[in-house]
Amino acid sequence: MGRQAGVVLYVFAMVTVVVGVDVLFFRHRFWERLMVNVGIVLVFAAFYLRFLKRA
């Protein structure tokens, strides 16, 4: 149960960052917002795969 809770918190943190950046910087710019959101998700995925994933 602890691992699942950690993953849920990690996904919640990612969603919070994406929504925060959208609201603060890219409210009315669709393509810029989309590119930044994809970049944020890729950074979170790379960090997860590098440091948090257990084999």
PDB file of N, CA and C in Angstrom:
ATOM      1  N   MET A   1       0.815  -1.199   0.000  1.00  0.00           N
ATOM      2  CA  MET A   1       0.000   0.000   0.000  1.00  0.00           C
ATOM      3  C   MET A   1       0.857   1.260   0.000  1.00  0.00           C
ATOM      4  N   GLY A   2       2.028   1.205   0.594  1.00  0.00           N
ATOM      5  CA  GLY A   2       2.888   2.374   0.661  1.00  0.00           C
ATOM      6  C   GLY A   2       3.367   2.827  -0.704  1.00  0.00           C
ATOM      7  N   ARG A   3       3.696   1.865  -1.575  1.00  0.00           N
ATOM      8  CA  ARG A   3       4.174   2.221  -2.919  1.00  0.00           C
ATOM      9  C   ARG A   3       3.065   2.886  -3.728  1.00  0.00           C
ATOM     10  N   GLN A   4       1.856   2.369  -3.607  1.00  0.00           N
ATOM     11  CA  GLN A   4       0.737   2.963  -4.341  1.00  0.00           C
ATOM     12  C   GLN A   4       0.459   4.379  -3.861  1.00  0.00           C
ATOM     13  N   ALA A   5       0.562   4.597  -2.566  1.00  0.00           N
ATOM     14  CA  ALA A   5       0.344   5.939  -2.023  1.00  0.00           C
ATOM     15  C   ALA A   5       1.417   6.890  -2.534  1.00  0.00           C
ATOM     16  N   GLY A   6       2.642   6.417  -2.634  1.00  0.00           N
ATOM     17  CA  GLY A   6       3.723   7.248  -3.167  1.00  0.00           C
ATOM     18  C   GLY A   6       3.494   7.627  -4.618  1.00  0.00           C
ATOM     19  N   VAL A   7       3.037   6.680  -5.410  1.00  0.00           N
ATOM     20  CA  VAL A   7       2.754   6.959  -6.827  1.00  0.00           C
ATOM     21  C   VAL A   7       1.598   7.944  -6.945  1.00  0.00           C
ATOM     22  N   VAL A   8       0.589   7.783  -6.126  1.00  0.00           N
ATOM     23  CA  VAL A   8      -0.554   8.710  -6.150  1.00  0.00           C
ATOM     24  C   VAL A   8      -0.100  10.116  -5.784  1.00  0.00           C
ATOM     25  N   LEU A   9       0.733  10.234  -4.766  1.00  0.00           N
ATOM     26  CA  LEU A   9       1.256  11.553  -4.392  1.00  0.00           C
ATOM     27  C   LEU A   9       2.124  12.145  -5.495  1.00  0.00           C
ATOM     28  N   TYR A  10       2.912  11.315  -6.170  1.00  0.00           N
ATOM     29  CA  TYR A  10       3.761  11.775  -7.260  1.00  0.00           C
ATOM     30  C   TYR A  10       2.914  12.301  -8.420  1.00  0.00           C
ATOM     31  N   VAL A  11       1.868  11.566  -8.781  1.00  0.00           N
ATOM     32  CA  VAL A  11       0.976  12.009  -9.860  1.00  0.00           C
ATOM     33  C   VAL A  11       0.240  13.282  -9.446  1.00  0.00           C
ATOM     34  N   PHE A  12      -0.185  13.361  -8.197  1.00  0.00           N
ATOM     35  CA  PHE A  12      -0.844  14.569  -7.703  1.00  0.00           C
ATOM     36  C   PHE A  12       0.090  15.777  -7.777  1.00  0.00           C
ATOM     37  N   ALA A  13       1.362  15.580  -7.430  1.00  0.00           N
ATOM     38  CA  ALA A  13       2.338  16.670  -7.528  1.00  0.00           C
ATOM     39  C   ALA A  13       2.518  17.108  -8.985  1.00  0.00           C
ATOM     40  N   MET A  14       2.563  16.152  -9.904  1.00  0.00           N
ATOM     41  CA  MET A  14       2.713  16.481 -11.317  1.00  0.00           C
ATOM     42  C   MET A  14       1.504  17.276 -11.818  1.00  0.00           C
ATOM     43  N   VAL A  15       0.321  16.840 -11.469  1.00  0.00           N
ATOM     44  CA  VAL A  15      -0.896  17.542 -11.890  1.00  0.00           C
ATOM     45  C   VAL A  15      -0.916  18.953 -11.305  1.00  0.00           C
ATOM     46  N   THR A  16      -0.510  19.089 -10.052  1.00  0.00           N
ATOM     47  CA  THR A  16      -0.476  20.403  -9.412  1.00  0.00           C
ATOM     48  C   THR A  16       0.481  21.340 -10.130  1.00  0.00           C
ATOM     49  N   VAL A  17       1.651  20.838 -10.503  1.00  0.00           N
ATOM     50  CA  VAL A  17       2.628  21.671 -11.225  1.00  0.00           C
ATOM     51  C   VAL A  17       2.079  22.066 -12.587  1.00  0.00           C
ATOM     52  N   VAL A  18       1.493  21.133 -13.312  1.00  0.00           N
ATOM     53  CA  VAL A  18       0.955  21.426 -14.646  1.00  0.00           C
ATOM     54  C   VAL A  18      -0.147  22.480 -14.558  1.00  0.00           C
ATOM     55  N   VAL A  19      -1.082  22.307 -13.656  1.00  0.00           N
ATOM     56  CA  VAL A  19      -2.180  23.268 -13.525  1.00  0.00           C
ATOM     57  C   VAL A  19      -1.662  24.620 -13.058  1.00  0.00           C
ATOM     58  N   GLY A  20      -0.724  24.623 -12.127  1.00  0.00           N
ATOM     59  CA  GLY A  20      -0.159  25.885 -11.647  1.00  0.00           C
ATOM     60  C   GLY A  20       0.542  26.663 -12.742  1.00  0.00           C
ATOM     61  N   VAL A  21       1.339  25.981 -13.554  1.00  0.00           N
ATOM     62  CA  VAL A  21       2.028  26.655 -14.660  1.00  0.00           C
ATOM     63  C   VAL A  21       1.013  27.151 -15.678  1.00  0.00           C
ATOM     64  N   ASP A  22      -0.002  26.351 -15.967  1.00  0.00           N
ATOM     65  CA  ASP A  22      -1.042  26.782 -16.912  1.00  0.00           C
ATOM     66  C   ASP A  22      -1.716  28.072 -16.451  1.00  0.00           C
ATOM     67  N   VAL A  23      -2.121  28.101 -15.211  1.00  0.00           N
ATOM     68  CA  VAL A  23      -2.861  29.252 -14.696  1.00  0.00           C
ATOM     69  C   VAL A  23      -1.964  30.481 -14.583  1.00  0.00           C
ATOM     70  N   LEU A  24      -0.728  30.288 -14.144  1.00  0.00           N
ATOM     71  CA  LEU A  24       0.152  31.434 -13.910  1.00  0.00           C
ATOM     72  C   LEU A  24       0.728  32.040 -15.191  1.00  0.00           C
ATOM     73  N   PHE A  25       1.066  31.205 -16.173  1.00  0.00           N
ATOM     74  CA  PHE A  25       1.832  31.712 -17.306  1.00  0.00           C
ATOM     75  C   PHE A  25       1.158  31.585 -18.667  1.00  0.00           C
ATOM     76  N   PHE A  26       0.368  30.550 -18.896  1.00  0.00           N
ATOM     77  CA  PHE A  26      -0.098  30.266 -20.255  1.00  0.00           C
ATOM     78  C   PHE A  26      -1.610  30.163 -20.346  1.00  0.00           C
ATOM     79  N   ARG A  27      -2.314  31.047 -19.712  1.00  0.00           N
ATOM     80  CA  ARG A  27      -3.763  30.943 -19.652  1.00  0.00           C
ATOM     81  C   ARG A  27      -4.421  31.022 -21.036  1.00  0.00           C
ATOM     82  N   HIS A  28      -3.971  31.915 -21.899  1.00  0.00           N
ATOM     83  CA  HIS A  28      -4.633  32.137 -23.183  1.00  0.00           C
ATOM     84  C   HIS A  28      -3.760  31.751 -24.372  1.00  0.00           C
ATOM     85  N   ARG A  29      -2.797  30.886 -24.156  1.00  0.00           N
ATOM     86  CA  ARG A  29      -1.902  30.458 -25.238  1.00  0.00           C
ATOM     87  C   ARG A  29      -1.937  28.939 -25.325  1.00  0.00           C
ATOM     88  N   PHE A  30      -2.712  28.425 -26.271  1.00  0.00           N
ATOM     89  CA  PHE A  30      -2.953  26.982 -26.326  1.00  0.00           C
ATOM     90  C   PHE A  30      -1.700  26.186 -26.667  1.00  0.00           C
ATOM     91  N   TRP A  31      -1.028  26.522 -27.769  1.00  0.00           N
ATOM     92  CA  TRP A  31       0.098  25.705 -28.234  1.00  0.00           C
ATOM     93  C   TRP A  31       1.290  25.774 -27.284  1.00  0.00           C
ATOM     94  N   GLU A  32       1.564  26.955 -26.750  1.00  0.00           N
ATOM     95  CA  GLU A  32       2.656  27.074 -25.782  1.00  0.00           C
ATOM     96  C   GLU A  32       2.355  26.258 -24.535  1.00  0.00           C
ATOM     97  N   ARG A  33       1.106  26.335 -24.089  1.00  0.00           N
ATOM     98  CA  ARG A  33       0.682  25.582 -22.909  1.00  0.00           C
ATOM     99  C   ARG A  33       0.807  24.084 -23.147  1.00  0.00           C
ATOM    100  N   LEU A  34       0.398  23.623 -24.315  1.00  0.00           N
ATOM    101  CA  LEU A  34       0.487  22.209 -24.648  1.00  0.00           C
ATOM    102  C   LEU A  34       1.936  21.736 -24.650  1.00  0.00           C
ATOM    103  N   MET A  35       2.825  22.516 -25.259  1.00  0.00           N
ATOM    104  CA  MET A  35       4.239  22.129 -25.314  1.00  0.00           C
ATOM    105  C   MET A  35       4.861  22.091 -23.926  1.00  0.00           C
ATOM    106  N   VAL A  36       4.559  23.073 -23.099  1.00  0.00           N
ATOM    107  CA  VAL A  36       5.107  23.102 -21.748  1.00  0.00           C
ATOM    108  C   VAL A  36       4.553  21.946 -20.921  1.00  0.00           C
ATOM    109  N   ASN A  37       3.274  21.643 -21.073  1.00  0.00           N
ATOM    110  CA  ASN A  37       2.688  20.523 -20.332  1.00  0.00           C
ATOM    111  C   ASN A  37       3.341  19.192 -20.715  1.00  0.00           C
ATOM    112  N   VAL A  38       3.569  18.994 -22.001  1.00  0.00           N
ATOM    113  CA  VAL A  38       4.247  17.773 -22.443  1.00  0.00           C
ATOM    114  C   VAL A  38       5.661  17.727 -21.868  1.00  0.00           C
ATOM    115  N   GLY A  39       6.349  18.854 -21.867  1.00  0.00           N
ATOM    116  CA  GLY A  39       7.689  18.902 -21.293  1.00  0.00           C
ATOM    117  C   GLY A  39       7.701  18.582 -19.810  1.00  0.00           C
ATOM    118  N   ILE A  40       6.744  19.117 -19.068  1.00  0.00           N
ATOM    119  CA  ILE A  40       6.666  18.848 -17.629  1.00  0.00           C
ATOM    120  C   ILE A  40       6.412  17.367 -17.383  1.00  0.00           C
ATOM    121  N   VAL A  41       5.503  16.781 -18.139  1.00  0.00           N
ATOM    122  CA  VAL A  41       5.211  15.352 -17.972  1.00  0.00           C
ATOM    123  C   VAL A  41       6.441  14.515 -18.306  1.00  0.00           C
ATOM    124  N   LEU A  42       7.180  14.884 -19.347  1.00  0.00           N
ATOM    125  CA  LEU A  42       8.396  14.144 -19.697  1.00  0.00           C
ATOM    126  C   LEU A  42       9.459  14.252 -18.606  1.00  0.00           C
ATOM    127  N   VAL A  43       9.601  15.424 -18.004  1.00  0.00           N
ATOM    128  CA  VAL A  43      10.564  15.594 -16.913  1.00  0.00           C
ATOM    129  C   VAL A  43      10.158  14.749 -15.712  1.00  0.00           C
ATOM    130  N   PHE A  44       8.883  14.771 -15.362  1.00  0.00           N
ATOM    131  CA  PHE A  44       8.417  13.946 -14.245  1.00  0.00           C
ATOM    132  C   PHE A  44       8.614  12.460 -14.554  1.00  0.00           C
ATOM    133  N   ALA A  45       8.336  12.041 -15.788  1.00  0.00           N
ATOM    134  CA  ALA A  45       8.501  10.638 -16.156  1.00  0.00           C
ATOM    135  C   ALA A  45       9.974  10.234 -16.099  1.00  0.00           C
ATOM    136  N   ALA A  46      10.856  11.088 -16.605  1.00  0.00           N
ATOM    137  CA  ALA A  46      12.285  10.778 -16.565  1.00  0.00           C
ATOM    138  C   ALA A  46      12.786  10.690 -15.128  1.00  0.00           C
ATOM    139  N   PHE A  47      12.346  11.607 -14.268  1.00  0.00           N
ATOM    140  CA  PHE A  47      12.742  11.576 -12.862  1.00  0.00           C
ATOM    141  C   PHE A  47      12.237  10.298 -12.198  1.00  0.00           C
ATOM    142  N   TYR A  48      11.001   9.921 -12.503  1.00  0.00           N
ATOM    143  CA  TYR A  48      10.435   8.698 -11.930  1.00  0.00           C
ATOM    144  C   TYR A  48      11.229   7.479 -12.372  1.00  0.00           C
ATOM    145  N   LEU A  49      11.497   7.386 -13.665  1.00  0.00           N
ATOM    146  CA  LEU A  49      12.203   6.219 -14.184  1.00  0.00           C
ATOM    147  C   LEU A  49      13.642   6.154 -13.668  1.00  0.00           C
ATOM    148  N   ARG A  50      14.263   7.303 -13.466  1.00  0.00           N
ATOM    149  CA  ARG A  50      15.666   7.330 -13.035  1.00  0.00           C
ATOM    150  C   ARG A  50      15.827   7.086 -11.544  1.00  0.00           C
ATOM    151  N   PHE A  51      14.977   7.682 -10.719  1.00  0.00           N
ATOM    152  CA  PHE A  51      15.214   7.667  -9.286  1.00  0.00           C
ATOM    153  C   PHE A  51      14.197   6.876  -8.466  1.00  0.00           C
ATOM    154  N   LEU A  52      12.978   6.752  -8.931  1.00  0.00           N
ATOM    155  CA  LEU A  52      11.936   6.191  -8.072  1.00  0.00           C
ATOM    156  C   LEU A  52      11.482   4.787  -8.449  1.00  0.00           C
ATOM    157  N   LYS A  53      11.734   4.382  -9.672  1.00  0.00           N
ATOM    158  CA  LYS A  53      11.266   3.067 -10.099  1.00  0.00           C
ATOM    159  C   LYS A  53      12.147   1.978  -9.480  1.00  0.00           C
ATOM    160  N   ARG A  54      11.496   0.991  -8.932  1.00  0.00           N
ATOM    161  CA  ARG A  54      12.222  -0.160  -8.367  1.00  0.00           C
ATOM    162  C   ARG A  54      12.020  -1.362  -9.253  1.00  0.00           C
ATOM    163  N   ALA A  55      13.079  -2.039  -9.535  1.00  0.00           N
ATOM    164  CA  ALA A  55      13.013  -3.206 -10.424  1.00  0.00           C
ATOM    165  C   ALA A  55      12.386  -4.407  -9.756  1.00  0.00           C
TER     166      ALA A  55
END
